[in-house]
Amino acid sequence: MEKINLNPQVSVSRIVQGLWRLTDWNWTVTQTIEFIEQCIALGVTTFDTAEIYGNYACEDRIGEVLKAAPHLRDQIEIVTKTGINMFSDKRAYTMSHYDTRKHKVVLSCQESIKRMNCDVIDLFLIHREDPLIDHQQLGKTLDELVDAGWVKAVGVSNFDPMKFDALQSHMRHRLVVNQIDWSPVCFEHFQNGNMDYLQKMNVVPMIWSPLAGGRLFTSSEEKYIKARKKIDEIAHRYGVDSETIVFAWLLYHPVKALPISGSSKIKRLKLAVDALNVALTHQEWYEIYTASGQQRLR
C-alpha cells in the first residue's frame, strides 16, 4: 500500500477506512478487532472518525478495541475531528452549532484521547468552517496541541481556500490535510479553487463520500445515471468493479487524494484498494469528469 507522508511524524495509507457508521454496525469488540486486522492486512492503516460520530459513541467504541487489543495502536493512524456541538441526548446543547474556541478544541482533544485509549492523536481536524472562527486564537491553539504532544499533525475539514489560508497564516505548524467532499458528481472544490490551492500549499485532501453516499450507483437522478453509465463502461474495459474505477479516478489526480471507504464490508474496501493497480488513461479521467453533464470543457 502506498503511504503519504503528512509530516516527519505521520504517514497515512493512500486508502482510508471510515468509521462514521461504526456504532450502526452493531459489532462486538472482537468483531471490530477482526475488521481492523483485515484492514491492516490490506495495507489500510488509517482510520477516520470524529467526536460526534455515532451520537458521540464512535470514539468510545475505538477505545474499547484498543483497550482489548493495545498492540493495534502502533499499527494504525487515528484521524478524528472537533468543532461541532451536536444536538443530542448525550449533550446539553439545545441546537447543533459550531464551536472552535480554545476551550472547546483543547477539551475535545484531551477527551478524544481518553475515550480512544490512545496516547496521541495522529491527525486532528477542525470539522467544519465556523462562521465565528477566530483564526488567530484557533491557530495558536492547534500549535499548542502539537507542541504539547497531544497530536502529531493538524488539519481541517470542509474549508474553502480563503478560510484555510486565513487559519494557516496564524500558525507555525502546517495544516497538512483538508477533508473534502469529492466524487464524479460533486465538483465544489474544482469550482472554488481548492484543488489548485491544495497543490500550491502541498496539502493532501482526504475525500469523504467518494461514491456520493452510495447514490452514484443507486439514484435515478439524471446526473447519477449519466455518470454511472460512463463508469460502468470504463469498468468493463478493465474487467474490474465500477467502484474500483471511481477510486482509481480519484487517485489519478496529481493532488494525491486520500479517499475514504466507509463500508463495513471488507470486500468493499478491497475494491477501493484494487484501484491502486488500475492505470486510467488521461482521456478516461476526463470522460468521467464530464459524464454527469455538470462539468464542461472550455
C-alpha atoms as a PDB file:
ATOM      1  CA  MET A   1       0.000   0.000   0.000  1.00  0.00           C
ATOM      2  CA  GLU A   2       1.273   3.441  -0.918  1.00  0.00           C
ATOM      3  CA  LYS A   3       1.822   5.760   2.053  1.00  0.00           C
ATOM      4  CA  ILE A   4       1.647   9.548   2.041  1.00  0.00           C
ATOM      5  CA  ASN A   5       3.925  11.483   4.389  1.00  0.00           C
ATOM      6  CA  LEU A   6       1.980  14.302   6.023  1.00  0.00           C
ATOM      7  CA  ASN A   7       4.937  15.474   8.101  1.00  0.00           C
ATOM      8  CA  PRO A   8       8.009  13.808   9.661  1.00  0.00           C
ATOM      9  CA  GLN A   9       5.817  12.269  12.381  1.00  0.00           C
ATOM     10  CA  VAL A  10       2.845  10.958  10.388  1.00  0.00           C
ATOM     11  CA  SER A  11       2.392   8.822   7.280  1.00  0.00           C
ATOM     12  CA  VAL A  12      -1.053   7.615   6.233  1.00  0.00           C
ATOM     13  CA  SER A  13      -2.297   4.892   3.917  1.00  0.00           C
ATOM     14  CA  ARG A  14      -3.466   6.073   0.495  1.00  0.00           C
ATOM     15  CA  ILE A  15      -6.853   4.456   1.126  1.00  0.00           C
ATOM     16  CA  VAL A  16      -8.522   5.345   4.432  1.00  0.00           C
ATOM     17  CA  GLN A  17     -11.160   3.336   6.285  1.00  0.00           C
ATOM     18  CA  GLY A  18     -14.002   5.471   7.600  1.00  0.00           C
ATOM     19  CA  LEU A  19     -15.668   4.654  10.904  1.00  0.00           C
ATOM     20  CA  TRP A  20     -18.550   7.126  10.715  1.00  0.00           C
ATOM     21  CA  ARG A  21     -21.129   4.328  10.983  1.00  0.00           C
ATOM     22  CA  LEU A  22     -19.156   2.061  13.315  1.00  0.00           C
ATOM     23  CA  THR A  23     -21.809   2.053  16.033  1.00  0.00           C
ATOM     24  CA  ASP A  24     -24.521   1.257  13.466  1.00  0.00           C
ATOM     25  CA  TRP A  25     -22.728  -1.950  12.543  1.00  0.00           C
ATOM     26  CA  ASN A  26     -23.557  -3.408  15.976  1.00  0.00           C
ATOM     27  CA  TRP A  27     -20.335  -5.364  16.209  1.00  0.00           C
ATOM     28  CA  THR A  28     -18.795  -6.845  19.304  1.00  0.00           C
ATOM     29  CA  VAL A  29     -15.337  -5.678  20.318  1.00  0.00           C
ATOM     30  CA  THR A  30     -13.933  -8.929  18.939  1.00  0.00           C
ATOM     31  CA  GLN A  31     -15.636  -8.403  15.587  1.00  0.00           C
ATOM     32  CA  THR A  32     -14.305  -4.854  15.400  1.00  0.00           C
ATOM     33  CA  ILE A  33     -10.779  -6.034  16.158  1.00  0.00           C
ATOM     34  CA  GLU A  34     -11.059  -8.633  13.403  1.00  0.00           C
ATOM     35  CA  PHE A  35     -12.224  -5.984  10.945  1.00  0.00           C
ATOM     36  CA  ILE A  36      -9.340  -3.660  11.784  1.00  0.00           C
ATOM     37  CA  GLU A  37      -6.868  -6.516  11.435  1.00  0.00           C
ATOM     38  CA  GLN A  38      -8.319  -7.317   7.990  1.00  0.00           C
ATOM     39  CA  CYS A  39      -7.927  -3.670   7.001  1.00  0.00           C
ATOM     40  CA  ILE A  40      -4.302  -3.701   8.115  1.00  0.00           C
ATOM     41  CA  ALA A  41      -3.703  -6.895   6.122  1.00  0.00           C
ATOM     42  CA  LEU A  42      -4.854  -4.990   3.016  1.00  0.00           C
ATOM     43  CA  GLY A  43      -2.441  -2.173   3.831  1.00  0.00           C
ATOM     44  CA  VAL A  44      -5.150   0.186   5.042  1.00  0.00           C
ATOM     45  CA  THR A  45      -3.798   1.503   8.327  1.00  0.00           C
ATOM     46  CA  THR A  46      -5.525   4.885   8.611  1.00  0.00           C
ATOM     47  CA  PHE A  47      -8.939   5.153  10.283  1.00  0.00           C
ATOM     48  CA  ASP A  48     -11.189   8.209  10.225  1.00  0.00           C
ATOM     49  CA  THR A  49     -13.649   9.169  12.954  1.00  0.00           C
ATOM     50  CA  ALA A  50     -14.935  12.281  14.743  1.00  0.00           C
ATOM     51  CA  GLU A  51     -16.091  13.375  18.172  1.00  0.00           C
ATOM     52  CA  ILE A  52     -19.745  13.455  17.107  1.00  0.00           C
ATOM     53  CA  TYR A  53     -19.851  10.233  15.078  1.00  0.00           C
ATOM     54  CA  GLY A  54     -22.261   7.602  16.319  1.00  0.00           C
ATOM     55  CA  ASN A  55     -24.028  10.144  18.523  1.00  0.00           C
ATOM     56  CA  TYR A  56     -20.767  10.741  20.403  1.00  0.00           C
ATOM     57  CA  ALA A  57     -20.167   6.982  20.813  1.00  0.00           C
ATOM     58  CA  CYS A  58     -17.789   6.045  17.981  1.00  0.00           C
ATOM     59  CA  GLU A  59     -14.629   7.108  19.798  1.00  0.00           C
ATOM     60  CA  ASP A  60     -15.749   5.113  22.847  1.00  0.00           C
ATOM     61  CA  ARG A  61     -16.009   2.010  20.664  1.00  0.00           C
ATOM     62  CA  ILE A  62     -12.500   2.578  19.328  1.00  0.00           C
ATOM     63  CA  GLY A  63     -11.309   2.913  22.900  1.00  0.00           C
ATOM     64  CA  GLU A  64     -12.839  -0.444  23.794  1.00  0.00           C
ATOM     65  CA  VAL A  65     -10.979  -2.013  20.870  1.00  0.00           C
ATOM     66  CA  LEU A  66      -7.615  -0.509  21.806  1.00  0.00           C
ATOM     67  CA  LYS A  67      -8.101  -1.496  25.441  1.00  0.00           C
ATOM     68  CA  ALA A  68      -8.752  -5.099  24.422  1.00  0.00           C
ATOM     69  CA  ALA A  69      -6.054  -5.140  21.711  1.00  0.00           C
ATOM     70  CA  PRO A  70      -3.443  -2.490  22.610  1.00  0.00           C
ATOM     71  CA  HIS A  71      -0.995  -3.936  20.069  1.00  0.00           C
ATOM     72  CA  LEU A  72      -3.113  -2.418  17.304  1.00  0.00           C
ATOM     73  CA  ARG A  73      -2.283   1.138  18.309  1.00  0.00           C
ATOM     74  CA  ASP A  74       1.228   1.033  16.845  1.00  0.00           C
ATOM     75  CA  GLN A  75      -0.123  -0.389  13.578  1.00  0.00           C
ATOM     76  CA  ILE A  76      -2.710   2.278  12.796  1.00  0.00           C
ATOM     77  CA  GLU A  77      -3.141   6.019  12.368  1.00  0.00           C
ATOM     78  CA  ILE A  78      -6.149   7.658  14.011  1.00  0.00           C
ATOM     79  CA  VAL A  79      -7.870  10.666  12.459  1.00  0.00           C
ATOM     80  CA  THR A  80     -10.534  12.476  14.459  1.00  0.00           C
ATOM     81  CA  LYS A  81     -12.292  15.833  14.361  1.00  0.00           C
ATOM     82  CA  THR A  82     -13.777  18.516  16.572  1.00  0.00           C
ATOM     83  CA  GLY A  83     -15.610  21.804  16.188  1.00  0.00           C
ATOM     84  CA  ILE A  84     -19.256  20.709  16.084  1.00  0.00           C
ATOM     85  CA  ASN A  85     -21.536  20.763  19.104  1.00  0.00           C
ATOM     86  CA  MET A  86     -24.299  18.413  18.014  1.00  0.00           C
ATOM     87  CA  PHE A  87     -27.814  18.410  19.456  1.00  0.00           C
ATOM     88  CA  SER A  88     -28.006  15.050  21.183  1.00  0.00           C
ATOM     89  CA  ASP A  89     -29.353  13.239  24.210  1.00  0.00           C
ATOM     90  CA  LYS A  90     -25.660  12.886  25.154  1.00  0.00           C
ATOM     91  CA  ARG A  91     -25.101  16.664  25.414  1.00  0.00           C
ATOM     92  CA  ALA A  92     -26.897  19.693  26.830  1.00  0.00           C
ATOM     93  CA  TYR A  93     -26.958  21.732  23.605  1.00  0.00           C
ATOM     94  CA  THR A  94     -30.407  22.958  22.559  1.00  0.00           C
ATOM     95  CA  MET A  95     -29.303  23.201  18.904  1.00  0.00           C
ATOM     96  CA  SER A  96     -26.437  21.944  16.786  1.00  0.00           C
ATOM     97  CA  HIS A  97     -23.785  24.596  16.187  1.00  0.00           C
ATOM     98  CA  TYR A  98     -20.077  25.100  15.575  1.00  0.00           C
ATOM     99  CA  ASP A  99     -17.525  25.871  18.275  1.00  0.00           C
ATOM    100  CA  THR A 100     -13.825  26.345  17.534  1.00  0.00           C
ATOM    101  CA  ARG A 101     -12.954  28.318  20.644  1.00  0.00           C
ATOM    102  CA  LYS A 102      -9.843  27.310  22.548  1.00  0.00           C
ATOM    103  CA  HIS A 103     -11.604  25.661  25.485  1.00  0.00           C
ATOM    104  CA  LYS A 104     -13.729  23.508  23.199  1.00  0.00           C
ATOM    105  CA  VAL A 105     -10.856  22.407  20.954  1.00  0.00           C
ATOM    106  CA  VAL A 106      -8.442  21.594  23.788  1.00  0.00           C
ATOM    107  CA  LEU A 107     -11.063  19.773  25.856  1.00  0.00           C
ATOM    108  CA  SER A 108     -12.257  17.794  22.823  1.00  0.00           C
ATOM    109  CA  CYS A 109      -8.714  16.744  22.007  1.00  0.00           C
ATOM    110  CA  GLN A 110      -7.997  15.562  25.534  1.00  0.00           C
ATOM    111  CA  GLU A 111     -11.335  13.773  25.840  1.00  0.00           C
ATOM    112  CA  SER A 112     -10.894  12.065  22.463  1.00  0.00           C
ATOM    113  CA  ILE A 113      -7.519  10.705  23.564  1.00  0.00           C
ATOM    114  CA  LYS A 114      -9.065   9.444  26.790  1.00  0.00           C
ATOM    115  CA  ARG A 115     -12.086   7.887  25.060  1.00  0.00           C
ATOM    116  CA  MET A 116      -9.981   6.120  22.452  1.00  0.00           C
ATOM    117  CA  ASN A 117      -7.342   4.867  24.903  1.00  0.00           C
ATOM    118  CA  CYS A 118      -4.572   6.307  22.775  1.00  0.00           C
ATOM    119  CA  ASP A 119      -1.628   8.382  23.946  1.00  0.00           C
ATOM    120  CA  VAL A 120      -1.747  10.742  20.997  1.00  0.00           C
ATOM    121  CA  ILE A 121      -3.959  11.579  18.018  1.00  0.00           C
ATOM    122  CA  ASP A 122      -2.146  11.144  14.715  1.00  0.00           C
ATOM    123  CA  LEU A 123      -4.242  13.690  12.805  1.00  0.00           C
ATOM    124  CA  PHE A 124      -6.631  16.161  14.443  1.00  0.00           C
ATOM    125  CA  LEU A 125      -9.037  18.113  12.224  1.00  0.00           C
ATOM    126  CA  ILE A 126     -11.386  21.053  12.635  1.00  0.00           C
ATOM    127  CA  HIS A 127     -14.610  19.513  11.375  1.00  0.00           C
ATOM    128  CA  ARG A 128     -16.399  22.416   9.669  1.00  0.00           C
ATOM    129  CA  GLU A 129     -15.976  26.021   8.641  1.00  0.00           C
ATOM    130  CA  ASP A 130     -17.113  28.066  11.637  1.00  0.00           C
ATOM    131  CA  PRO A 131     -18.685  31.484  10.855  1.00  0.00           C
ATOM    132  CA  LEU A 132     -17.470  32.590  14.297  1.00  0.00           C
ATOM    133  CA  ILE A 133     -13.929  31.290  13.870  1.00  0.00           C
ATOM    134  CA  ASP A 134     -11.169  33.326  15.476  1.00  0.00           C
ATOM    135  CA  HIS A 135      -8.300  32.376  13.169  1.00  0.00           C
ATOM    136  CA  GLN A 136      -5.612  33.797  15.420  1.00  0.00           C
ATOM    137  CA  GLN A 137      -6.876  32.045  18.544  1.00  0.00           C
ATOM    138  CA  LEU A 138      -7.556  28.734  16.805  1.00  0.00           C
ATOM    139  CA  GLY A 139      -4.205  28.765  15.027  1.00  0.00           C
ATOM    140  CA  LYS A 140      -2.409  29.307  18.315  1.00  0.00           C
ATOM    141  CA  THR A 141      -4.471  26.558  19.958  1.00  0.00           C
ATOM    142  CA  LEU A 142      -3.634  23.997  17.267  1.00  0.00           C
ATOM    143  CA  ASP A 143       0.060  24.900  17.501  1.00  0.00           C
ATOM    144  CA  GLU A 144      -0.087  24.373  21.249  1.00  0.00           C
ATOM    145  CA  LEU A 145      -1.685  20.928  20.852  1.00  0.00           C
ATOM    146  CA  VAL A 146       1.151  19.843  18.560  1.00  0.00           C
ATOM    147  CA  ASP A 147       3.804  21.371  20.833  1.00  0.00           C
ATOM    148  CA  ALA A 148       2.313  19.631  23.870  1.00  0.00           C
ATOM    149  CA  GLY A 149       2.421  16.246  22.137  1.00  0.00           C
ATOM    150  CA  TRP A 150      -1.342  15.709  22.197  1.00  0.00           C
ATOM    151  CA  VAL A 151      -1.450  15.457  18.405  1.00  0.00           C
ATOM    152  CA  LYS A 152       1.135  14.677  15.727  1.00  0.00           C
ATOM    153  CA  ALA A 153      -0.455  16.676  12.912  1.00  0.00           C
ATOM    154  CA  VAL A 154      -3.376  19.024  12.380  1.00  0.00           C
ATOM    155  CA  GLY A 155      -5.687  19.894   9.535  1.00  0.00           C
ATOM    156  CA  VAL A 156      -9.209  20.928   8.641  1.00  0.00           C
ATOM    157  CA  SER A 157     -12.322  19.549   7.012  1.00  0.00           C
ATOM    158  CA  ASN A 158     -14.610  21.251   4.511  1.00  0.00           C
ATOM    159  CA  PHE A 159     -12.602  24.502   4.392  1.00  0.00           C
ATOM    160  CA  ASP A 160     -12.501  26.678   1.285  1.00  0.00           C
ATOM    161  CA  PRO A 161      -9.128  28.151   0.199  1.00  0.00           C
ATOM    162  CA  MET A 162      -9.670  31.548   1.843  1.00  0.00           C
ATOM    163  CA  LYS A 163     -10.569  30.135   5.248  1.00  0.00           C
ATOM    164  CA  PHE A 164      -7.749  27.595   5.036  1.00  0.00           C
ATOM    165  CA  ASP A 165      -5.259  30.341   4.225  1.00  0.00           C
ATOM    166  CA  ALA A 166      -6.578  32.606   6.980  1.00  0.00           C
ATOM    167  CA  LEU A 167      -6.086  29.906   9.603  1.00  0.00           C
ATOM    168  CA  GLN A 168      -2.688  28.805   8.285  1.00  0.00           C
ATOM    169  CA  SER A 169      -1.444  32.405   8.359  1.00  0.00           C
ATOM    170  CA  HIS A 170      -1.694  32.355  12.167  1.00  0.00           C
ATOM    171  CA  MET A 171       0.159  29.052  12.668  1.00  0.00           C
ATOM    172  CA  ARG A 172       3.736  27.826  12.956  1.00  0.00           C
ATOM    173  CA  HIS A 173       2.810  24.204  12.205  1.00  0.00           C
ATOM    174  CA  ARG A 174       1.414  23.259   8.810  1.00  0.00           C
ATOM    175  CA  LEU A 175      -2.163  22.245   8.217  1.00  0.00           C
ATOM    176  CA  VAL A 176      -1.478  19.004   6.375  1.00  0.00           C
ATOM    177  CA  VAL A 177      -4.957  17.827   5.318  1.00  0.00           C
ATOM    178  CA  ASN A 178      -8.255  19.278   4.157  1.00  0.00           C
ATOM    179  CA  GLN A 179     -11.004  16.648   4.234  1.00  0.00           C
ATOM    180  CA  ILE A 180     -13.450  17.458   1.433  1.00  0.00           C
ATOM    181  CA  ASP A 181     -16.444  16.107  -0.468  1.00  0.00           C
ATOM    182  CA  TRP A 182     -15.489  14.931  -3.969  1.00  0.00           C
ATOM    183  CA  SER A 183     -16.980  12.362  -6.335  1.00  0.00           C
ATOM    184  CA  PRO A 184     -17.814  12.040 -10.045  1.00  0.00           C
ATOM    185  CA  VAL A 185     -20.954  14.103  -9.319  1.00  0.00           C
ATOM    186  CA  CYS A 186     -19.512  16.620  -6.841  1.00  0.00           C
ATOM    187  CA  PHE A 187     -17.157  19.338  -8.122  1.00  0.00           C
ATOM    188  CA  GLU A 188     -17.378  22.051  -5.464  1.00  0.00           C
ATOM    189  CA  HIS A 189     -13.659  22.045  -4.834  1.00  0.00           C
ATOM    190  CA  PHE A 190     -12.787  22.352  -8.506  1.00  0.00           C
ATOM    191  CA  GLN A 191     -15.105  25.348  -8.730  1.00  0.00           C
ATOM    192  CA  ASN A 192     -13.906  27.155  -5.591  1.00  0.00           C
ATOM    193  CA  GLY A 193     -10.204  26.781  -6.433  1.00  0.00           C
ATOM    194  CA  ASN A 194      -9.419  24.297  -3.667  1.00  0.00           C
ATOM    195  CA  MET A 195      -7.864  21.683  -5.953  1.00  0.00           C
ATOM    196  CA  ASP A 196      -5.352  24.244  -7.201  1.00  0.00           C
ATOM    197  CA  TYR A 197      -4.778  25.778  -3.780  1.00  0.00           C
ATOM    198  CA  LEU A 198      -4.114  22.426  -2.116  1.00  0.00           C
ATOM    199  CA  GLN A 199      -1.438  21.629  -4.699  1.00  0.00           C
ATOM    200  CA  LYS A 200       0.109  25.054  -4.214  1.00  0.00           C
ATOM    201  CA  MET A 201       0.286  24.510  -0.446  1.00  0.00           C
ATOM    202  CA  ASN A 202       1.360  20.839  -0.746  1.00  0.00           C
ATOM    203  CA  VAL A 203      -1.676  19.784   1.282  1.00  0.00           C
ATOM    204  CA  VAL A 204      -3.443  16.489   0.550  1.00  0.00           C
ATOM    205  CA  PRO A 205      -7.222  16.225   0.500  1.00  0.00           C
ATOM    206  CA  MET A 206      -8.886  13.352   2.316  1.00  0.00           C
ATOM    207  CA  ILE A 207     -12.045  12.510   0.377  1.00  0.00           C
ATOM    208  CA  TRP A 208     -15.325  11.788   2.105  1.00  0.00           C
ATOM    209  CA  SER A 209     -18.334  10.384   0.236  1.00  0.00           C
ATOM    210  CA  PRO A 210     -16.383   9.326  -2.883  1.00  0.00           C
ATOM    211  CA  LEU A 211     -19.427   7.331  -4.032  1.00  0.00           C
ATOM    212  CA  ALA A 212     -21.811  10.212  -3.212  1.00  0.00           C
ATOM    213  CA  GLY A 213     -23.198   8.323  -0.249  1.00  0.00           C
ATOM    214  CA  GLY A 214     -23.959   5.343  -2.496  1.00  0.00           C
ATOM    215  CA  ARG A 215     -26.225   7.428  -4.753  1.00  0.00           C
ATOM    216  CA  LEU A 216     -23.715   7.124  -7.575  1.00  0.00           C
ATOM    217  CA  PHE A 217     -24.903   3.539  -8.074  1.00  0.00           C
ATOM    218  CA  THR A 218     -28.484   3.743  -6.791  1.00  0.00           C
ATOM    219  CA  SER A 219     -30.030   7.111  -7.637  1.00  0.00           C
ATOM    220  CA  SER A 220     -32.420   7.598 -10.563  1.00  0.00           C
ATOM    221  CA  GLU A 221     -31.460  11.284 -10.839  1.00  0.00           C
ATOM    222  CA  GLU A 222     -30.115  12.107 -14.292  1.00  0.00           C
ATOM    223  CA  LYS A 223     -26.618  13.210 -13.263  1.00  0.00           C
ATOM    224  CA  TYR A 224     -26.060   9.939 -11.397  1.00  0.00           C
ATOM    225  CA  ILE A 225     -27.371   7.842 -14.276  1.00  0.00           C
ATOM    226  CA  LYS A 226     -25.054   9.585 -16.751  1.00  0.00           C
ATOM    227  CA  ALA A 227     -22.003   9.252 -14.513  1.00  0.00           C
ATOM    228  CA  ARG A 228     -22.829   5.616 -13.709  1.00  0.00           C
ATOM    229  CA  LYS A 229     -23.158   4.696 -17.381  1.00  0.00           C
ATOM    230  CA  LYS A 230     -19.675   6.006 -18.175  1.00  0.00           C
ATOM    231  CA  ILE A 231     -18.108   4.474 -15.062  1.00  0.00           C
ATOM    232  CA  ASP A 232     -19.660   1.079 -15.859  1.00  0.00           C
ATOM    233  CA  GLU A 233     -18.376   1.334 -19.424  1.00  0.00           C
ATOM    234  CA  ILE A 234     -14.801   2.002 -18.292  1.00  0.00           C
ATOM    235  CA  ALA A 235     -15.036  -0.702 -15.622  1.00  0.00           C
ATOM    236  CA  HIS A 236     -15.959  -3.167 -18.362  1.00  0.00           C
ATOM    237  CA  ARG A 237     -12.858  -2.162 -20.340  1.00  0.00           C
ATOM    238  CA  TYR A 238     -10.626  -3.022 -17.393  1.00  0.00           C
ATOM    239  CA  GLY A 239     -12.565  -6.020 -16.128  1.00  0.00           C
ATOM    240  CA  VAL A 240     -12.962  -4.543 -12.646  1.00  0.00           C
ATOM    241  CA  ASP A 241     -15.834  -3.397 -10.435  1.00  0.00           C
ATOM    242  CA  SER A 242     -17.292   0.043 -11.079  1.00  0.00           C
ATOM    243  CA  GLU A 243     -16.448   1.116  -7.515  1.00  0.00           C
ATOM    244  CA  THR A 244     -12.798   0.405  -8.266  1.00  0.00           C
ATOM    245  CA  ILE A 245     -12.924   2.759 -11.239  1.00  0.00           C
ATOM    246  CA  VAL A 246     -14.292   5.580  -9.077  1.00  0.00           C
ATOM    247  CA  PHE A 247     -11.425   5.208  -6.623  1.00  0.00           C
ATOM    248  CA  ALA A 248      -8.920   4.974  -9.494  1.00  0.00           C
ATOM    249  CA  TRP A 249     -10.354   8.235 -10.854  1.00  0.00           C
ATOM    250  CA  LEU A 250      -9.840   9.975  -7.519  1.00  0.00           C
ATOM    251  CA  LEU A 251      -6.323   8.575  -7.154  1.00  0.00           C
ATOM    252  CA  TYR A 252      -5.303   9.697 -10.646  1.00  0.00           C
ATOM    253  CA  HIS A 253      -5.411  13.407  -9.835  1.00  0.00           C
ATOM    254  CA  PRO A 254      -1.970  14.941  -9.010  1.00  0.00           C
ATOM    255  CA  VAL A 255      -3.304  16.401  -5.762  1.00  0.00           C
ATOM    256  CA  LYS A 256      -2.604  12.957  -4.194  1.00  0.00           C
ATOM    257  CA  ALA A 257      -6.065  12.442  -2.702  1.00  0.00           C
ATOM    258  CA  LEU A 258      -6.752  10.048   0.170  1.00  0.00           C
ATOM    259  CA  PRO A 259     -10.206   8.521  -0.489  1.00  0.00           C
ATOM    260  CA  ILE A 260     -12.218   7.211   2.450  1.00  0.00           C
ATOM    261  CA  SER A 261     -14.077   3.910   2.151  1.00  0.00           C
ATOM    262  CA  GLY A 262     -16.939   3.902   4.615  1.00  0.00           C
ATOM    263  CA  SER A 263     -18.300   0.395   4.191  1.00  0.00           C
ATOM    264  CA  SER A 264     -18.376  -2.276   6.891  1.00  0.00           C
ATOM    265  CA  LYS A 265     -17.678  -4.944   4.295  1.00  0.00           C
ATOM    266  CA  ILE A 266     -14.033  -5.845   3.787  1.00  0.00           C
ATOM    267  CA  LYS A 267     -14.769  -6.851   0.180  1.00  0.00           C
ATOM    268  CA  ARG A 268     -15.862  -3.262  -0.491  1.00  0.00           C
ATOM    269  CA  LEU A 269     -12.631  -1.944   0.990  1.00  0.00           C
ATOM    270  CA  LYS A 270     -10.718  -4.331  -1.267  1.00  0.00           C
ATOM    271  CA  LEU A 271     -12.479  -2.796  -4.276  1.00  0.00           C
ATOM    272  CA  ALA A 272     -11.013   0.554  -3.231  1.00  0.00           C
ATOM    273  CA  VAL A 273      -7.556  -0.929  -2.687  1.00  0.00           C
ATOM    274  CA  ASP A 274      -7.721  -2.588  -6.117  1.00  0.00           C
ATOM    275  CA  ALA A 275      -7.840   0.900  -7.633  1.00  0.00           C
ATOM    276  CA  LEU A 276      -4.156   1.325  -6.846  1.00  0.00           C
ATOM    277  CA  ASN A 277      -3.483  -1.195  -9.617  1.00  0.00           C
ATOM    278  CA  VAL A 278      -5.698   0.452 -12.247  1.00  0.00           C
ATOM    279  CA  ALA A 279      -3.955   2.886 -14.592  1.00  0.00           C
ATOM    280  CA  LEU A 280      -6.642   5.032 -16.165  1.00  0.00           C
ATOM    281  CA  THR A 281      -5.717   6.966 -19.265  1.00  0.00           C
ATOM    282  CA  HIS A 282      -5.733  10.738 -19.225  1.00  0.00           C
ATOM    283  CA  GLN A 283      -8.723  10.759 -21.569  1.00  0.00           C
ATOM    284  CA  GLU A 284     -10.670   8.315 -19.392  1.00  0.00           C
ATOM    285  CA  TRP A 285     -10.251  10.648 -16.434  1.00  0.00           C
ATOM    286  CA  TYR A 286     -11.884  13.402 -18.493  1.00  0.00           C
ATOM    287  CA  GLU A 287     -14.605  11.046 -19.683  1.00  0.00           C
ATOM    288  CA  ILE A 288     -15.678  10.580 -16.064  1.00  0.00           C
ATOM    289  CA  TYR A 289     -15.107  14.259 -15.219  1.00  0.00           C
ATOM    290  CA  THR A 290     -17.649  15.327 -17.842  1.00  0.00           C
ATOM    291  CA  ALA A 291     -20.002  12.327 -17.726  1.00  0.00           C
ATOM    292  CA  SER A 292     -22.623  13.746 -15.337  1.00  0.00           C
ATOM    293  CA  GLY A 293     -23.084  16.821 -17.520  1.00  0.00           C
ATOM    294  CA  GLN A 294     -22.139  19.190 -14.696  1.00  0.00           C
ATOM    295  CA  GLN A 295     -18.614  19.930 -15.939  1.00  0.00           C
ATOM    296  CA  ARG A 296     -17.864  21.162 -19.432  1.00  0.00           C
ATOM    297  CA  LEU A 297     -14.515  21.767 -21.061  1.00  0.00           C
ATOM    298  CA  ARG A 298     -13.998  25.248 -22.454  1.00  0.00           C
END
